[in-house]
Structures are given as structure tokens and as C-alpha cells.
Amino acid sequence: MGKRDFGQVGSAEHDSPEPYSSGSFKKQKQSGISKNRPSEGSSQWARKRVRNIERLLQRNSELPANVRNDLERELAAHKTTISDKAVQKKRSAMIGKYHMVRFFERKKAIRLARQVRKRLDQAISPEETEELKRHLHIAEVDEAYAQNFPHLETYVSLYKSDTTKDDNDEDKAAKTKALLEAERPPMWSVIERAMEGGPSALRMVRERQSSIEAQSGSQPGGKQQKQKPATTQSQLRSRSHDKPQSKPPAKAQPRNQKQAEVPQKKGDESVAMNRRERRRLMRETGAVTNNKDNDDSDDGGFFEEG
């Protein structure tokens, strides 16, 4: 490649480097924002906030009463949020898990009710009419069962899977009768009673949380423990006043003193029992005092002139 002309040296076209395409540049990471940082209002953020508040309340016992009350209210609100989101998460999972089974059983109950109505229109005898009305009621409850079974509980199927196809009318009637007279799960009678209360009662059964409350011994790992109610500072003070005051501990005697008392008691007992020993001790103590008096008289005292 040859040298550039003199006219090309000062031109911006040759001096400036070629600009890169916008796709070659990596997006710069926004400062102060972390990928793993939970967003405020999420369940992960609420759990983290609950841990921080509990640690603060445990470690710092000298918080002002108003600050402690505010923290306890916030703690209760976050725990409620966590439990509500856990319920919603489980509800969505259970709906997705049993959606197809409930759908097929509801369609089957509608089909059975249609067959029973058709036979009811053609019934002649009152016994047959009464039996078909009872079967129609069972089919209608079956439809409500598949539609209003509690979302948070494990769905119990009504009909056994049958792959045989019978074109004969008598076989269909016998099969329909067998399906409608089969044993029903306990929830079936609950929904039957709720049908008398109307749609609101059925909605309450469908959205009930009895299974979670029965299992709420489960903590995140299987077993949730029951949450203790938050205690305010005034409650803590009242509890401390209600407790009986403990007596001050007795002062421990010196070890040497205890050991000295034991032989003294034993000596007293032996002196009381033996008169000769007592007289001997008296003579020895008298001799010792005499020796001390003699020693003092020999020394002459501190103020005696020499």
C-alpha cells in the first residue's frame, strides 16, 4: 500500500477510526442493580425482611416501644403475605395438575344426566320414574363435584376408567346405572349439601383452605410450625411482674471453715462421752496458758527499762 496524498492527511475520513456496529458492543451493566437482588413486594424479599426483623428484635432488647410495635406489625404483615402467596402458588399447581381429570369427569356427568333425562321422558311406571329422578340428582351432584371440588386438595375421581364401547341400549343403561350407584367419596355429600346454599356456598367449598390448615404443621421443608403471636413490650413487662421473685442465693461458707467445724463436733462428742479425755484436755490447756504467762514475764515487756 502506497503513501497517502498530502490532501488526505488532515481529512476526518481517514484519521478517525471506523465506527463499530451497535451490535458488537455489549450492554453495560447498570450500576447499583444486582441480578440476584429480590424485587420489593416479592415473596423472596418478604422472607428476607422477616429474617432481618426477627434478628433485630432478638438481638436488641432495648428498642423503644413504638419502634418495636411498628416492627412487630410489619413482621405480621410480611408473614401473612408469605402465607397468602404460598397458598396461591399451591392452588395454581393443583389446578393445573387435575384440570384434565376434572374436565373429563364433568363432561361425563353431563352426558349421564342427558341420558337419564331422555329415559325419564320415556318412563311409564312410577317406580322407574322415582329411580330415574334419583339417578338424575346423582348426575347433577357429580357435575357440581367435578366443578367445585376444593382446589387446594387432592382430587378424588368419581368414575373408573372404562375403555369398552357398547352400542347396545340395554348395556348403556346398565352401565349408566352402575356408574351412578357406585360409592361416592366423602366430599360428594359436602358438595350435595352446599348445592342447597347456592353458588356462594359452592364457591366457599371450592376456595376453602382446610387441607393447608390441617397440614400447617408444615414449614418450608415439609412441616410448617404454627406462628407465635407477636409480643409487645408491655406484655413482656407484665410477664416479668407476674413471675415470682426468686430468693437470693445463700452465701457459700468457706471450705476451710466447714472442714474445721466437722472435727470440732466430733471432738465435742468424744469429750462428752469420755470424762478422762475431757480432764486431760483441761490439764493440757492449763499447762499451755502457764507457759505463755512465763514467757511473757521473762521477756519483760516493750516499755520495761533495761
C-alpha atoms as a PDB file:
ATOM      1  CA  MET A   1       0.000   0.000   0.000  1.00  0.00           C
ATOM      2  CA  GLY A   2       1.417   3.354  -1.041  1.00  0.00           C
ATOM      3  CA  LYS A   3       1.709   6.566   0.878  1.00  0.00           C
ATOM      4  CA  ARG A   4      -1.296   8.794   1.301  1.00  0.00           C
ATOM      5  CA  ASP A   5      -1.577  12.024  -0.579  1.00  0.00           C
ATOM      6  CA  PHE A   6      -0.974  15.289   1.211  1.00  0.00           C
ATOM      7  CA  GLY A   7      -4.659  16.178   0.915  1.00  0.00           C
ATOM      8  CA  GLN A   8      -5.757  13.014   2.696  1.00  0.00           C
ATOM      9  CA  VAL A   9      -3.657  13.549   5.853  1.00  0.00           C
ATOM     10  CA  GLY A  10      -5.886  16.132   7.568  1.00  0.00           C
ATOM     11  CA  SER A  11      -9.221  14.688   6.475  1.00  0.00           C
ATOM     12  CA  ALA A  12     -11.527  13.293   9.185  1.00  0.00           C
ATOM     13  CA  GLU A  13     -12.485  10.475   6.837  1.00  0.00           C
ATOM     14  CA  HIS A  14      -9.019   8.863   7.086  1.00  0.00           C
ATOM     15  CA  ASP A  15      -7.930   9.971  10.586  1.00  0.00           C
ATOM     16  CA  SER A  16     -10.976   8.838  12.606  1.00  0.00           C
ATOM     17  CA  PRO A  17     -11.314   5.074  13.141  1.00  0.00           C
ATOM     18  CA  GLU A  18     -14.202   3.266  11.558  1.00  0.00           C
ATOM     19  CA  PRO A  19     -17.179   3.101  13.959  1.00  0.00           C
ATOM     20  CA  TYR A  20     -18.181  -0.347  15.147  1.00  0.00           C
ATOM     21  CA  SER A  21     -21.666  -1.600  14.616  1.00  0.00           C
ATOM     22  CA  SER A  22     -24.039  -1.208  17.561  1.00  0.00           C
ATOM     23  CA  GLY A  23     -24.423  -4.974  17.797  1.00  0.00           C
ATOM     24  CA  SER A  24     -20.758  -5.533  18.637  1.00  0.00           C
ATOM     25  CA  PHE A  25     -20.944  -3.532  21.855  1.00  0.00           C
ATOM     26  CA  LYS A  26     -22.006  -5.366  24.998  1.00  0.00           C
ATOM     27  CA  LYS A  27     -24.674  -3.797  27.104  1.00  0.00           C
ATOM     28  CA  GLN A  28     -23.108  -2.127  30.078  1.00  0.00           C
ATOM     29  CA  LYS A  29     -24.338  -3.382  33.423  1.00  0.00           C
ATOM     30  CA  GLN A  30     -26.366  -0.800  35.277  1.00  0.00           C
ATOM     31  CA  SER A  31     -24.560   0.336  38.346  1.00  0.00           C
ATOM     32  CA  GLY A  32     -26.128  -0.441  41.723  1.00  0.00           C
ATOM     33  CA  ILE A  33     -28.521  -3.146  40.485  1.00  0.00           C
ATOM     34  CA  SER A  34     -27.793  -6.824  41.066  1.00  0.00           C
ATOM     35  CA  LYS A  35     -29.353  -9.672  39.151  1.00  0.00           C
ATOM     36  CA  ASN A  36     -29.983 -11.757  42.269  1.00  0.00           C
ATOM     37  CA  ARG A  37     -31.444  -8.927  44.309  1.00  0.00           C
ATOM     38  CA  PRO A  38     -35.137  -9.696  45.029  1.00  0.00           C
ATOM     39  CA  SER A  39     -37.619  -7.060  43.987  1.00  0.00           C
ATOM     40  CA  GLU A  40     -39.640  -5.348  46.688  1.00  0.00           C
ATOM     41  CA  GLY A  41     -43.016  -6.990  47.224  1.00  0.00           C
ATOM     42  CA  SER A  42     -41.936 -10.470  46.127  1.00  0.00           C
ATOM     43  CA  SER A  43     -42.105 -13.460  48.457  1.00  0.00           C
ATOM     44  CA  GLN A  44     -38.310 -13.770  48.489  1.00  0.00           C
ATOM     45  CA  TRP A  45     -37.971 -10.137  49.555  1.00  0.00           C
ATOM     46  CA  ALA A  46     -40.634 -10.637  52.243  1.00  0.00           C
ATOM     47  CA  ARG A  47     -38.833 -13.705  53.652  1.00  0.00           C
ATOM     48  CA  LYS A  48     -35.564 -11.784  53.779  1.00  0.00           C
ATOM     49  CA  ARG A  49     -37.252  -8.875  55.528  1.00  0.00           C
ATOM     50  CA  VAL A  50     -38.838 -11.262  58.072  1.00  0.00           C
ATOM     51  CA  ARG A  51     -35.422 -12.722  58.927  1.00  0.00           C
ATOM     52  CA  ASN A  52     -33.922  -9.255  59.393  1.00  0.00           C
ATOM     53  CA  ILE A  53     -36.740  -8.078  61.663  1.00  0.00           C
ATOM     54  CA  GLU A  54     -36.633 -11.235  63.789  1.00  0.00           C
ATOM     55  CA  ARG A  55     -32.879 -10.910  64.253  1.00  0.00           C
ATOM     56  CA  LEU A  56     -33.238  -7.251  65.185  1.00  0.00           C
ATOM     57  CA  LEU A  57     -35.915  -7.991  67.782  1.00  0.00           C
ATOM     58  CA  GLN A  58     -33.908 -10.841  69.293  1.00  0.00           C
ATOM     59  CA  ARG A  59     -30.575  -9.041  69.496  1.00  0.00           C
ATOM     60  CA  ASN A  60     -31.707  -5.574  70.509  1.00  0.00           C
ATOM     61  CA  SER A  61     -33.933  -5.803  73.587  1.00  0.00           C
ATOM     62  CA  GLU A  62     -33.700  -2.072  74.373  1.00  0.00           C
ATOM     63  CA  LEU A  63     -35.669  -0.799  71.388  1.00  0.00           C
ATOM     64  CA  PRO A  64     -38.229   1.940  72.083  1.00  0.00           C
ATOM     65  CA  ALA A  65     -41.796   0.719  72.477  1.00  0.00           C
ATOM     66  CA  ASN A  66     -43.099   2.497  69.361  1.00  0.00           C
ATOM     67  CA  VAL A  67     -40.282   1.139  67.188  1.00  0.00           C
ATOM     68  CA  ARG A  68     -40.830  -2.391  68.493  1.00  0.00           C
ATOM     69  CA  ASN A  69     -44.586  -2.196  67.854  1.00  0.00           C
ATOM     70  CA  ASP A  70     -44.026  -0.953  64.298  1.00  0.00           C
ATOM     71  CA  LEU A  71     -41.568  -3.762  63.616  1.00  0.00           C
ATOM     72  CA  GLU A  72     -43.940  -6.379  65.025  1.00  0.00           C
ATOM     73  CA  ARG A  73     -46.792  -5.107  62.853  1.00  0.00           C
ATOM     74  CA  GLU A  74     -44.562  -5.169  59.797  1.00  0.00           C
ATOM     75  CA  LEU A  75     -43.416  -8.688  60.700  1.00  0.00           C
ATOM     76  CA  ALA A  76     -47.013  -9.943  60.980  1.00  0.00           C
ATOM     77  CA  ALA A  77     -47.914  -8.328  57.638  1.00  0.00           C
ATOM     78  CA  HIS A  78     -44.949  -9.941  55.864  1.00  0.00           C
ATOM     79  CA  LYS A  79     -45.779 -13.360  57.315  1.00  0.00           C
ATOM     80  CA  THR A  80     -49.358 -13.016  56.089  1.00  0.00           C
ATOM     81  CA  THR A  81     -48.094 -12.063  52.633  1.00  0.00           C
ATOM     82  CA  ILE A  82     -45.779 -15.079  52.528  1.00  0.00           C
ATOM     83  CA  SER A  83     -48.554 -17.495  53.539  1.00  0.00           C
ATOM     84  CA  ASP A  84     -51.007 -15.999  51.017  1.00  0.00           C
ATOM     85  CA  LYS A  85     -48.514 -16.302  48.187  1.00  0.00           C
ATOM     86  CA  ALA A  86     -47.728 -19.890  49.188  1.00  0.00           C
ATOM     87  CA  VAL A  87     -51.445 -20.703  49.064  1.00  0.00           C
ATOM     88  CA  GLN A  88     -51.826 -19.095  45.635  1.00  0.00           C
ATOM     89  CA  LYS A  89     -48.804 -20.963  44.324  1.00  0.00           C
ATOM     90  CA  LYS A  90     -50.128 -24.310  45.536  1.00  0.00           C
ATOM     91  CA  ARG A  91     -53.599 -23.506  44.190  1.00  0.00           C
ATOM     92  CA  SER A  92     -52.243 -22.835  40.707  1.00  0.00           C
ATOM     93  CA  ALA A  93     -50.201 -26.045  40.795  1.00  0.00           C
ATOM     94  CA  MET A  94     -53.181 -28.157  41.887  1.00  0.00           C
ATOM     95  CA  ILE A  95     -55.480 -26.628  39.267  1.00  0.00           C
ATOM     96  CA  GLY A  96     -53.002 -27.444  36.523  1.00  0.00           C
ATOM     97  CA  LYS A  97     -52.447 -30.962  37.847  1.00  0.00           C
ATOM     98  CA  TYR A  98     -56.105 -32.054  37.968  1.00  0.00           C
ATOM     99  CA  HIS A  99     -57.547 -29.881  35.219  1.00  0.00           C
ATOM    100  CA  MET A 100     -57.945 -32.653  32.637  1.00  0.00           C
ATOM    101  CA  VAL A 101     -59.422 -35.186  35.076  1.00  0.00           C
ATOM    102  CA  ARG A 102     -61.997 -32.709  36.329  1.00  0.00           C
ATOM    103  CA  PHE A 103     -62.849 -31.637  32.796  1.00  0.00           C
ATOM    104  CA  PHE A 104     -63.462 -35.191  31.553  1.00  0.00           C
ATOM    105  CA  GLU A 105     -65.492 -36.172  34.617  1.00  0.00           C
ATOM    106  CA  ARG A 106     -67.650 -33.073  34.323  1.00  0.00           C
ATOM    107  CA  LYS A 107     -68.348 -33.882  30.677  1.00  0.00           C
ATOM    108  CA  LYS A 108     -69.139 -37.466  31.626  1.00  0.00           C
ATOM    109  CA  ALA A 109     -71.559 -36.325  34.337  1.00  0.00           C
ATOM    110  CA  ILE A 110     -73.304 -34.036  31.834  1.00  0.00           C
ATOM    111  CA  ARG A 111     -73.596 -36.929  29.390  1.00  0.00           C
ATOM    112  CA  LEU A 112     -75.012 -39.256  32.064  1.00  0.00           C
ATOM    113  CA  ALA A 113     -77.554 -36.611  33.097  1.00  0.00           C
ATOM    114  CA  ARG A 114     -78.617 -36.221  29.466  1.00  0.00           C
ATOM    115  CA  GLN A 115     -79.131 -39.985  29.135  1.00  0.00           C
ATOM    116  CA  VAL A 116     -81.154 -40.133  32.361  1.00  0.00           C
ATOM    117  CA  ARG A 117     -83.389 -37.246  31.256  1.00  0.00           C
ATOM    118  CA  LYS A 118     -84.022 -38.981  27.962  1.00  0.00           C
ATOM    119  CA  ARG A 119     -85.031 -42.185  29.740  1.00  0.00           C
ATOM    120  CA  LEU A 120     -87.100 -40.203  32.237  1.00  0.00           C
ATOM    121  CA  ASP A 121     -89.215 -38.771  29.428  1.00  0.00           C
ATOM    122  CA  GLN A 122     -89.905 -42.317  28.212  1.00  0.00           C
ATOM    123  CA  ALA A 123     -90.581 -43.817  31.652  1.00  0.00           C
ATOM    124  CA  ILE A 124     -94.036 -45.243  32.336  1.00  0.00           C
ATOM    125  CA  SER A 125     -94.092 -46.856  35.770  1.00  0.00           C
ATOM    126  CA  PRO A 126     -93.820 -44.654  38.891  1.00  0.00           C
ATOM    127  CA  GLU A 127     -91.082 -46.898  40.342  1.00  0.00           C
ATOM    128  CA  GLU A 128     -88.905 -46.367  37.292  1.00  0.00           C
ATOM    129  CA  THR A 129     -89.626 -42.632  37.351  1.00  0.00           C
ATOM    130  CA  GLU A 130     -88.613 -42.396  41.000  1.00  0.00           C
ATOM    131  CA  GLU A 131     -85.387 -44.290  40.366  1.00  0.00           C
ATOM    132  CA  LEU A 132     -84.505 -42.152  37.335  1.00  0.00           C
ATOM    133  CA  LYS A 133     -85.104 -38.948  39.320  1.00  0.00           C
ATOM    134  CA  ARG A 134     -82.700 -40.215  41.951  1.00  0.00           C
ATOM    135  CA  HIS A 135     -80.132 -41.016  39.243  1.00  0.00           C
ATOM    136  CA  LEU A 136     -80.618 -37.559  37.738  1.00  0.00           C
ATOM    137  CA  HIS A 137     -79.914 -35.952  41.110  1.00  0.00           C
ATOM    138  CA  ILE A 138     -76.736 -38.026  41.465  1.00  0.00           C
ATOM    139  CA  ALA A 139     -75.561 -36.992  37.986  1.00  0.00           C
ATOM    140  CA  GLU A 140     -76.182 -33.316  38.756  1.00  0.00           C
ATOM    141  CA  VAL A 141     -74.219 -33.569  42.001  1.00  0.00           C
ATOM    142  CA  ASP A 142     -71.440 -35.336  40.088  1.00  0.00           C
ATOM    143  CA  GLU A 143     -71.218 -32.379  37.728  1.00  0.00           C
ATOM    144  CA  ALA A 144     -71.053 -29.941  40.646  1.00  0.00           C
ATOM    145  CA  TYR A 145     -68.461 -32.196  42.328  1.00  0.00           C
ATOM    146  CA  ALA A 146     -66.122 -32.063  39.330  1.00  0.00           C
ATOM    147  CA  GLN A 147     -66.556 -28.307  39.050  1.00  0.00           C
ATOM    148  CA  ASN A 148     -66.448 -27.263  42.726  1.00  0.00           C
ATOM    149  CA  PHE A 149     -64.049 -29.726  44.343  1.00  0.00           C
ATOM    150  CA  PRO A 150     -61.612 -27.740  46.570  1.00  0.00           C
ATOM    151  CA  HIS A 151     -58.642 -26.581  44.517  1.00  0.00           C
ATOM    152  CA  LEU A 152     -56.171 -26.989  47.376  1.00  0.00           C
ATOM    153  CA  GLU A 153     -56.999 -30.660  47.995  1.00  0.00           C
ATOM    154  CA  THR A 154     -56.087 -33.801  46.091  1.00  0.00           C
ATOM    155  CA  TYR A 155     -58.882 -34.586  43.648  1.00  0.00           C
ATOM    156  CA  VAL A 156     -60.639 -37.943  44.161  1.00  0.00           C
ATOM    157  CA  SER A 157     -62.046 -39.378  40.953  1.00  0.00           C
ATOM    158  CA  LEU A 158     -65.708 -40.408  40.672  1.00  0.00           C
ATOM    159  CA  TYR A 159     -65.657 -42.829  37.765  1.00  0.00           C
ATOM    160  CA  LYS A 160     -63.386 -45.704  36.970  1.00  0.00           C
ATOM    161  CA  SER A 161     -61.703 -45.634  33.584  1.00  0.00           C
ATOM    162  CA  ASP A 162     -63.501 -47.905  31.111  1.00  0.00           C
ATOM    163  CA  THR A 163     -62.277 -48.376  27.554  1.00  0.00           C
ATOM    164  CA  THR A 164     -65.093 -50.684  26.362  1.00  0.00           C
ATOM    165  CA  LYS A 165     -67.631 -49.251  23.943  1.00  0.00           C
ATOM    166  CA  ASP A 166     -71.137 -50.744  23.976  1.00  0.00           C
ATOM    167  CA  ASP A 167     -73.599 -49.798  21.284  1.00  0.00           C
ATOM    168  CA  ASN A 168     -76.487 -51.738  22.797  1.00  0.00           C
ATOM    169  CA  ASP A 169     -79.052 -49.588  24.621  1.00  0.00           C
ATOM    170  CA  GLU A 170     -79.537 -52.146  27.380  1.00  0.00           C
ATOM    171  CA  ASP A 171     -75.802 -52.281  28.015  1.00  0.00           C
ATOM    172  CA  LYS A 172     -75.643 -48.489  28.112  1.00  0.00           C
ATOM    173  CA  ALA A 173     -78.490 -48.354  30.620  1.00  0.00           C
ATOM    174  CA  ALA A 174     -76.849 -50.967  32.830  1.00  0.00           C
ATOM    175  CA  LYS A 175     -73.515 -49.183  32.615  1.00  0.00           C
ATOM    176  CA  THR A 176     -75.109 -45.828  33.477  1.00  0.00           C
ATOM    177  CA  LYS A 177     -76.887 -47.365  36.452  1.00  0.00           C
ATOM    178  CA  ALA A 178     -73.659 -48.952  37.704  1.00  0.00           C
ATOM    179  CA  LEU A 179     -71.791 -45.651  37.420  1.00  0.00           C
ATOM    180  CA  LEU A 180     -74.481 -43.667  39.224  1.00  0.00           C
ATOM    181  CA  GLU A 181     -74.967 -46.185  42.032  1.00  0.00           C
ATOM    182  CA  ALA A 182     -71.269 -46.634  42.766  1.00  0.00           C
ATOM    183  CA  GLU A 183     -69.839 -45.488  46.080  1.00  0.00           C
ATOM    184  CA  ARG A 184     -69.006 -41.788  46.296  1.00  0.00           C
ATOM    185  CA  PRO A 185     -66.137 -40.101  48.207  1.00  0.00           C
ATOM    186  CA  PRO A 186     -66.901 -38.083  51.388  1.00  0.00           C
ATOM    187  CA  MET A 187     -66.556 -34.747  49.589  1.00  0.00           C
ATOM    188  CA  TRP A 188     -69.551 -35.673  47.418  1.00  0.00           C
ATOM    189  CA  SER A 189     -72.004 -35.295  50.321  1.00  0.00           C
ATOM    190  CA  VAL A 190     -70.378 -31.968  51.301  1.00  0.00           C
ATOM    191  CA  ILE A 191     -70.992 -30.588  47.822  1.00  0.00           C
ATOM    192  CA  GLU A 192     -74.516 -32.023  47.814  1.00  0.00           C
ATOM    193  CA  ARG A 193     -75.333 -30.016  50.948  1.00  0.00           C
ATOM    194  CA  ALA A 194     -73.585 -26.928  49.524  1.00  0.00           C
ATOM    195  CA  MET A 195     -75.807 -27.058  46.424  1.00  0.00           C
ATOM    196  CA  GLU A 196     -78.752 -26.187  48.645  1.00  0.00           C
ATOM    197  CA  GLY A 197     -76.991 -22.963  49.684  1.00  0.00           C
ATOM    198  CA  GLY A 198     -76.495 -21.781  46.132  1.00  0.00           C
ATOM    199  CA  PRO A 199     -73.415 -20.595  44.196  1.00  0.00           C
ATOM    200  CA  SER A 200     -71.902 -18.739  47.165  1.00  0.00           C
ATOM    201  CA  ALA A 201     -71.796 -21.917  49.265  1.00  0.00           C
ATOM    202  CA  LEU A 202     -70.231 -23.852  46.391  1.00  0.00           C
ATOM    203  CA  ARG A 203     -67.639 -21.116  45.958  1.00  0.00           C
ATOM    204  CA  MET A 204     -66.718 -21.332  49.636  1.00  0.00           C
ATOM    205  CA  VAL A 205     -66.189 -25.088  49.304  1.00  0.00           C
ATOM    206  CA  ARG A 206     -64.110 -24.625  46.169  1.00  0.00           C
ATOM    207  CA  GLU A 207     -61.845 -21.977  47.729  1.00  0.00           C
ATOM    208  CA  ARG A 208     -61.555 -23.423  51.211  1.00  0.00           C
ATOM    209  CA  GLN A 209     -58.107 -23.929  52.776  1.00  0.00           C
ATOM    210  CA  SER A 210     -58.907 -26.718  55.221  1.00  0.00           C
ATOM    211  CA  SER A 211     -56.238 -29.056  53.840  1.00  0.00           C
ATOM    212  CA  ILE A 212     -53.483 -26.459  54.332  1.00  0.00           C
ATOM    213  CA  GLU A 213     -54.729 -25.622  57.824  1.00  0.00           C
ATOM    214  CA  ALA A 214     -54.751 -29.320  58.712  1.00  0.00           C
ATOM    215  CA  GLN A 215     -51.210 -29.700  57.373  1.00  0.00           C
ATOM    216  CA  SER A 216     -49.984 -26.476  58.818  1.00  0.00           C
ATOM    217  CA  GLY A 217     -47.671 -28.062  60.846  1.00  0.00           C
ATOM    218  CA  SER A 218     -45.555 -27.755  57.662  1.00  0.00           C
ATOM    219  CA  GLN A 219     -42.520 -25.499  57.453  1.00  0.00           C
ATOM    220  CA  PRO A 220     -40.674 -24.898  54.376  1.00  0.00           C
ATOM    221  CA  GLY A 221     -39.278 -28.384  54.237  1.00  0.00           C
ATOM    222  CA  GLY A 222     -42.292 -30.330  54.919  1.00  0.00           C
ATOM    223  CA  LYS A 223     -43.711 -29.277  58.194  1.00  0.00           C
ATOM    224  CA  GLN A 224     -44.892 -25.836  58.991  1.00  0.00           C
ATOM    225  CA  GLN A 225     -44.836 -24.701  62.558  1.00  0.00           C
ATOM    226  CA  LYS A 226     -47.592 -22.548  63.991  1.00  0.00           C
ATOM    227  CA  GLN A 227     -46.571 -18.932  64.194  1.00  0.00           C
ATOM    228  CA  LYS A 228     -46.492 -17.468  67.655  1.00  0.00           C
ATOM    229  CA  PRO A 229     -48.340 -14.164  68.108  1.00  0.00           C
ATOM    230  CA  ALA A 230     -46.131 -11.118  68.325  1.00  0.00           C
ATOM    231  CA  THR A 231     -45.487  -9.958  71.868  1.00  0.00           C
ATOM    232  CA  THR A 232     -45.322  -6.264  72.635  1.00  0.00           C
ATOM    233  CA  GLN A 233     -43.073  -4.648  75.177  1.00  0.00           C
ATOM    234  CA  SER A 234     -45.966  -4.083  77.618  1.00  0.00           C
ATOM    235  CA  GLN A 235     -46.775  -7.791  77.528  1.00  0.00           C
ATOM    236  CA  LEU A 236     -43.174  -8.613  78.288  1.00  0.00           C
ATOM    237  CA  ARG A 237     -43.251  -6.255  81.273  1.00  0.00           C
ATOM    238  CA  SER A 238     -46.466  -7.789  82.627  1.00  0.00           C
ATOM    239  CA  ARG A 239     -44.986 -11.250  82.317  1.00  0.00           C
ATOM    240  CA  SER A 240     -41.911 -10.188  84.253  1.00  0.00           C
ATOM    241  CA  HIS A 241     -44.125  -8.758  87.062  1.00  0.00           C
ATOM    242  CA  ASP A 242     -46.241 -11.903  87.226  1.00  0.00           C
ATOM    243  CA  LYS A 243     -43.231 -14.140  87.790  1.00  0.00           C
ATOM    244  CA  PRO A 244     -42.489 -14.803  91.489  1.00  0.00           C
ATOM    245  CA  GLN A 245     -39.329 -13.137  92.704  1.00  0.00           C
ATOM    246  CA  SER A 246     -36.567 -15.612  93.228  1.00  0.00           C
ATOM    247  CA  LYS A 247     -34.910 -15.786  96.630  1.00  0.00           C
ATOM    248  CA  PRO A 248     -31.292 -14.582  96.835  1.00  0.00           C
ATOM    249  CA  PRO A 249     -28.859 -17.483  96.885  1.00  0.00           C
ATOM    250  CA  ALA A 250     -27.433 -18.402 100.253  1.00  0.00           C
ATOM    251  CA  LYS A 251     -23.865 -17.340 100.814  1.00  0.00           C
ATOM    252  CA  ALA A 252     -21.451 -20.176 100.455  1.00  0.00           C
ATOM    253  CA  GLN A 253     -19.364 -20.768 103.516  1.00  0.00           C
ATOM    254  CA  PRO A 254     -15.623 -21.086 103.132  1.00  0.00           C
ATOM    255  CA  ARG A 255     -14.419 -24.555 102.541  1.00  0.00           C
ATOM    256  CA  ASN A 256     -11.839 -24.439 105.355  1.00  0.00           C
ATOM    257  CA  GLN A 257     -14.469 -23.312 107.843  1.00  0.00           C
ATOM    258  CA  LYS A 258     -16.700 -26.279 107.031  1.00  0.00           C
ATOM    259  CA  GLN A 259     -13.797 -28.665 107.374  1.00  0.00           C
ATOM    260  CA  ALA A 260     -12.847 -27.084 110.723  1.00  0.00           C
ATOM    261  CA  GLU A 261     -16.372 -27.447 112.101  1.00  0.00           C
ATOM    262  CA  VAL A 262     -16.561 -31.159 111.472  1.00  0.00           C
ATOM    263  CA  PRO A 263     -13.631 -32.191 113.667  1.00  0.00           C
ATOM    264  CA  GLN A 264     -14.796 -29.784 116.361  1.00  0.00           C
ATOM    265  CA  LYS A 265     -18.163 -31.504 116.525  1.00  0.00           C
ATOM    266  CA  LYS A 266     -16.535 -34.882 116.612  1.00  0.00           C
ATOM    267  CA  GLY A 267     -14.191 -33.711 119.426  1.00  0.00           C
ATOM    268  CA  ASP A 268     -17.125 -32.406 121.482  1.00  0.00           C
ATOM    269  CA  GLU A 269     -18.913 -35.673 121.124  1.00  0.00           C
ATOM    270  CA  SER A 270     -15.839 -37.628 122.215  1.00  0.00           C
ATOM    271  CA  VAL A 271     -15.258 -35.304 125.237  1.00  0.00           C
ATOM    272  CA  ALA A 272     -18.872 -35.636 126.306  1.00  0.00           C
ATOM    273  CA  MET A 273     -18.615 -39.380 126.075  1.00  0.00           C
ATOM    274  CA  ASN A 274     -15.227 -39.769 127.841  1.00  0.00           C
ATOM    275  CA  ARG A 275     -14.654 -37.893 131.110  1.00  0.00           C
ATOM    276  CA  ARG A 276     -10.980 -38.807 131.272  1.00  0.00           C
ATOM    277  CA  GLU A 277     -10.309 -37.290 127.880  1.00  0.00           C
ATOM    278  CA  ARG A 278     -12.040 -34.119 128.962  1.00  0.00           C
ATOM    279  CA  ARG A 279      -9.896 -33.800 132.106  1.00  0.00           C
ATOM    280  CA  ARG A 280      -6.739 -34.444 130.099  1.00  0.00           C
ATOM    281  CA  LEU A 281      -7.639 -31.681 127.664  1.00  0.00           C
ATOM    282  CA  MET A 282      -8.286 -29.280 130.542  1.00  0.00           C
ATOM    283  CA  ARG A 283      -4.878 -30.046 132.065  1.00  0.00           C
ATOM    284  CA  GLU A 284      -3.161 -29.540 128.697  1.00  0.00           C
ATOM    285  CA  THR A 285      -4.869 -26.206 128.101  1.00  0.00           C
ATOM    286  CA  GLY A 286      -3.943 -25.085 131.625  1.00  0.00           C
ATOM    287  CA  ALA A 287      -0.278 -26.018 131.070  1.00  0.00           C
ATOM    288  CA  VAL A 288      -0.210 -24.119 127.792  1.00  0.00           C
ATOM    289  CA  THR A 289      -1.558 -20.934 129.387  1.00  0.00           C
ATOM    290  CA  ASN A 290       1.001 -21.157 132.200  1.00  0.00           C
ATOM    291  CA  ASN A 291       3.833 -21.466 129.695  1.00  0.00           C
ATOM    292  CA  LYS A 292       2.583 -18.395 127.855  1.00  0.00           C
ATOM    293  CA  ASP A 293       2.483 -16.368 131.090  1.00  0.00           C
ATOM    294  CA  ASN A 294       6.018 -17.405 131.938  1.00  0.00           C
ATOM    295  CA  ASP A 295       7.265 -16.433 128.504  1.00  0.00           C
ATOM    296  CA  ASP A 296       5.673 -13.001 128.815  1.00  0.00           C
ATOM    297  CA  SER A 297       7.191 -12.410 132.224  1.00  0.00           C
ATOM    298  CA  ASP A 298      10.670 -13.418 131.035  1.00  0.00           C
ATOM    299  CA  ASP A 299      10.625 -11.033 128.089  1.00  0.00           C
ATOM    300  CA  GLY A 300       9.972  -8.059 130.350  1.00  0.00           C
ATOM    301  CA  GLY A 301       7.602  -6.262 128.041  1.00  0.00           C
ATOM    302  CA  PHE A 302       8.130  -3.487 125.482  1.00  0.00           C
ATOM    303  CA  PHE A 303       8.164  -0.485 127.859  1.00  0.00           C
ATOM    304  CA  GLU A 304      10.401  -2.034 130.555  1.00  0.00           C
ATOM    305  CA  GLU A 305      13.699  -0.233 131.007  1.00  0.00           C
ATOM    306  CA  GLY A 306      16.854  -2.272 130.599  1.00  0.00           C
END
